[in-house]
Amino acid sequence: MKSFISLCLTACLAVAAPVASADVLLIDAISENPSNSEAGLQRPRTGQSMNTVRSQFGEPRQELPWVGDPPITRWVYDHFTVYFEHEYVINTVVHRKTQQ
């Protein structure tokens, strides 16, 4: 009886054991840094003030009025959009290149 239980337990474990599998994703070598990398497009950094951004990057193409509480303001430049909370950068998003 003991060998029968041992055999059943072994069979159950063999069936229930997880099967490891993985897909392999092959990517061509990237020849240049993506624009949103540290080495890519220069853009405002988190914590910079509006005055610092304006002096470093010039006038934005468009200044959108603040919304919400706390107030979030957007400045749109040619290659990126800057998001401010009050007067400090909280995020900068690089625009995607459009395919022609």
Protein backbone atom coordinates (compact mmCIF):
# COMPACT_ATOMS: atom_id res chain seq x y z
CA MET A 1 0.00 0.00 0.00
CA LYS A 2 2.88 2.33 0.86
CA SER A 3 4.46 1.86 -2.59
CA PHE A 4 1.06 2.51 -4.26
CA ILE A 5 0.70 5.86 -2.40
CA SER A 6 4.28 6.72 -3.24
CA LEU A 7 3.63 5.88 -6.92
CA CYS A 8 0.43 8.01 -6.98
CA LEU A 9 2.20 10.92 -5.30
CA THR A 10 5.07 10.74 -7.78
CA ALA A 11 2.63 10.65 -10.71
CA CYS A 12 0.68 13.65 -9.35
CA LEU A 13 3.84 15.68 -8.88
CA ALA A 14 5.07 14.84 -12.36
CA VAL A 15 1.78 16.00 -13.91
CA ALA A 16 1.41 19.09 -11.74
CA ALA A 17 5.01 20.29 -12.08
CA PRO A 18 5.16 23.63 -13.84
CA VAL A 19 6.62 23.63 -17.29
CA ALA A 20 9.06 26.44 -17.94
CA SER A 21 8.92 28.07 -21.32
CA ALA A 22 10.01 31.39 -22.75
CA ASP A 23 9.74 33.26 -25.99
CA VAL A 24 12.90 34.70 -27.45
CA LEU A 25 12.68 38.20 -28.86
CA LEU A 26 15.44 39.14 -31.26
CA ILE A 27 16.05 42.84 -31.79
CA ASP A 28 18.35 44.39 -34.34
CA ALA A 29 21.16 46.40 -32.81
CA ILE A 30 20.15 49.97 -32.06
CA SER A 31 22.59 52.23 -33.84
CA GLU A 32 21.68 55.45 -32.04
CA ASN A 33 20.27 56.40 -28.66
CA PRO A 34 16.50 56.77 -28.50
CA SER A 35 15.42 60.40 -28.12
CA ASN A 36 14.03 59.75 -24.64
CA SER A 37 17.27 58.33 -23.26
CA GLU A 38 19.75 60.18 -21.06
CA ALA A 39 22.06 60.57 -24.06
CA GLY A 40 19.27 61.63 -26.40
CA LEU A 41 17.33 64.89 -26.73
CA GLN A 42 18.19 67.55 -24.16
CA ARG A 43 15.07 68.53 -22.21
CA PRO A 44 14.00 69.96 -18.84
CA ARG A 45 14.54 67.81 -15.76
CA THR A 46 12.25 67.14 -12.84
CA GLY A 47 12.42 69.89 -10.24
CA GLN A 48 13.53 72.71 -12.52
CA SER A 49 11.58 75.97 -12.17
CA MET A 50 9.59 77.62 -14.95
CA ASN A 51 12.15 80.44 -15.04
CA THR A 52 15.03 77.98 -15.47
CA VAL A 53 13.21 76.11 -18.26
CA ARG A 54 12.38 79.37 -20.05
CA SER A 55 15.98 80.63 -19.81
CA GLN A 56 17.47 77.29 -20.93
CA PHE A 57 14.99 76.33 -23.70
CA GLY A 58 13.43 79.65 -24.69
CA GLU A 59 9.77 80.51 -25.11
CA PRO A 60 7.46 77.51 -25.57
CA ARG A 61 5.50 77.21 -28.80
CA GLN A 62 2.33 77.00 -26.70
CA GLU A 63 1.53 77.59 -23.02
CA LEU A 64 -1.62 75.83 -21.86
CA PRO A 65 -3.40 77.22 -18.78
CA TRP A 66 -3.25 75.29 -15.51
CA VAL A 67 -5.89 72.71 -14.63
CA GLY A 68 -6.78 70.83 -11.45
CA ASP A 69 -5.66 71.01 -7.87
CA PRO A 70 -2.70 71.13 -7.53
CA PRO A 71 -2.43 73.23 -10.70
CA ILE A 72 -0.77 71.40 -13.60
CA THR A 73 0.51 73.55 -16.47
CA ARG A 74 1.79 72.36 -19.86
CA TRP A 75 4.34 74.04 -22.07
CA VAL A 76 4.67 72.66 -25.59
CA TYR A 77 8.01 72.90 -27.38
CA ASP A 78 8.86 71.55 -30.86
CA HIS A 79 10.23 68.20 -29.62
CA PHE A 80 8.77 67.78 -26.12
CA THR A 81 6.04 68.89 -23.72
CA VAL A 82 6.85 69.97 -20.17
CA TYR A 83 4.41 69.41 -17.28
CA PHE A 84 4.66 71.65 -14.22
CA GLU A 85 3.05 71.35 -10.81
CA HIS A 86 2.82 74.90 -9.49
CA GLU A 87 6.07 76.25 -10.97
CA TYR A 88 8.27 73.11 -11.00
CA VAL A 89 8.79 70.43 -13.67
CA ILE A 90 7.18 67.12 -12.78
CA ASN A 91 7.60 65.42 -16.18
CA THR A 92 8.84 66.01 -19.72
CA VAL A 93 7.46 63.91 -22.56
CA VAL A 94 9.31 63.63 -25.87
CA HIS A 95 7.02 63.82 -28.91
CA ARG A 96 6.92 60.78 -31.18
CA LYS A 97 8.31 61.23 -34.65
CA THR A 98 5.59 61.06 -37.29
CA GLN A 99 6.17 58.71 -40.19
CA GLN A 100 5.89 60.31 -43.61
